[in-house]
Amino acid sequence: MKLKTALTALAIAAMTVAAAPASWANQLIFQDVTFDLNVVGGNLVLGISAGATAPSGDWAGINGLAAFEVKNIGDVSGLSTTGWTVYDTALGANGCINGSTSGGCFVSDSGPVAFGANTSLTFTIAGTGTFDLTSPHLKVLFTTNGTTDVTCLNSKNEISGCVTGKTGTLLSQTVPGTVPEPASLLLLGAGLAGIGLWRWRRNSGQV
């Protein structure tokens, strides 16, 4: 009876931990670029990386990241990375100038940040509440060239005068995920295994 009680408690705890959205793991791989979204310590962390294979398809030849938007996540208050400005408008081909967003649109103040093969960028985004990664939507604006002159930004946050190349090529996709963390999976597996062991022992007359 004690074994049954202990195993049942373990299984319940395992399923509770695995189901709780305390942290998320959302990932999208698109044209050899990997995008990761995770909630860490109450902040949203966006990782953008390319391996030895440079970005391909529409983004072949890109060398800079000028702007990005993460929406459908809640209210964004800022970015820990310096040199980026957050706007509450949506990202378009010319910058953060259209409509509104339930998230944040970020523009590099000094022109595109270098990006290509073997490049990894990490952005930590702060919010005014709890982030919701049920269906996060990501847009990015990669370029093939750009100036470092911050004065090219006009009052409408447009960057079309700052960069040349693929300014109209946007990733605009939902980042799939909600993958349980490894620890949660291990705990869930232990709980289910425990239930299986208890049922086997009961059916064998050992309980």
Foldseek 3Di string as FASTA:
>chain_A
DVLVVVLQVLLVVLVVQQPDPPKWWFWDADQQWIWIWMQDPQKIKIKIAHAQAKRDDPCPQFWFWFKKWKAPWAAWDFKPDPQKDKDQADQALFARFHHGGRGIIIGRQFKTDTDIHGDMDMIIIHGPDHTDLPWMWMKTFTANDFGRDSVQQDPRRTCPSTGDGRSRDMDTGTGDTRDGDPVSVVSNVSSVVSVVVVVVCVVVVND
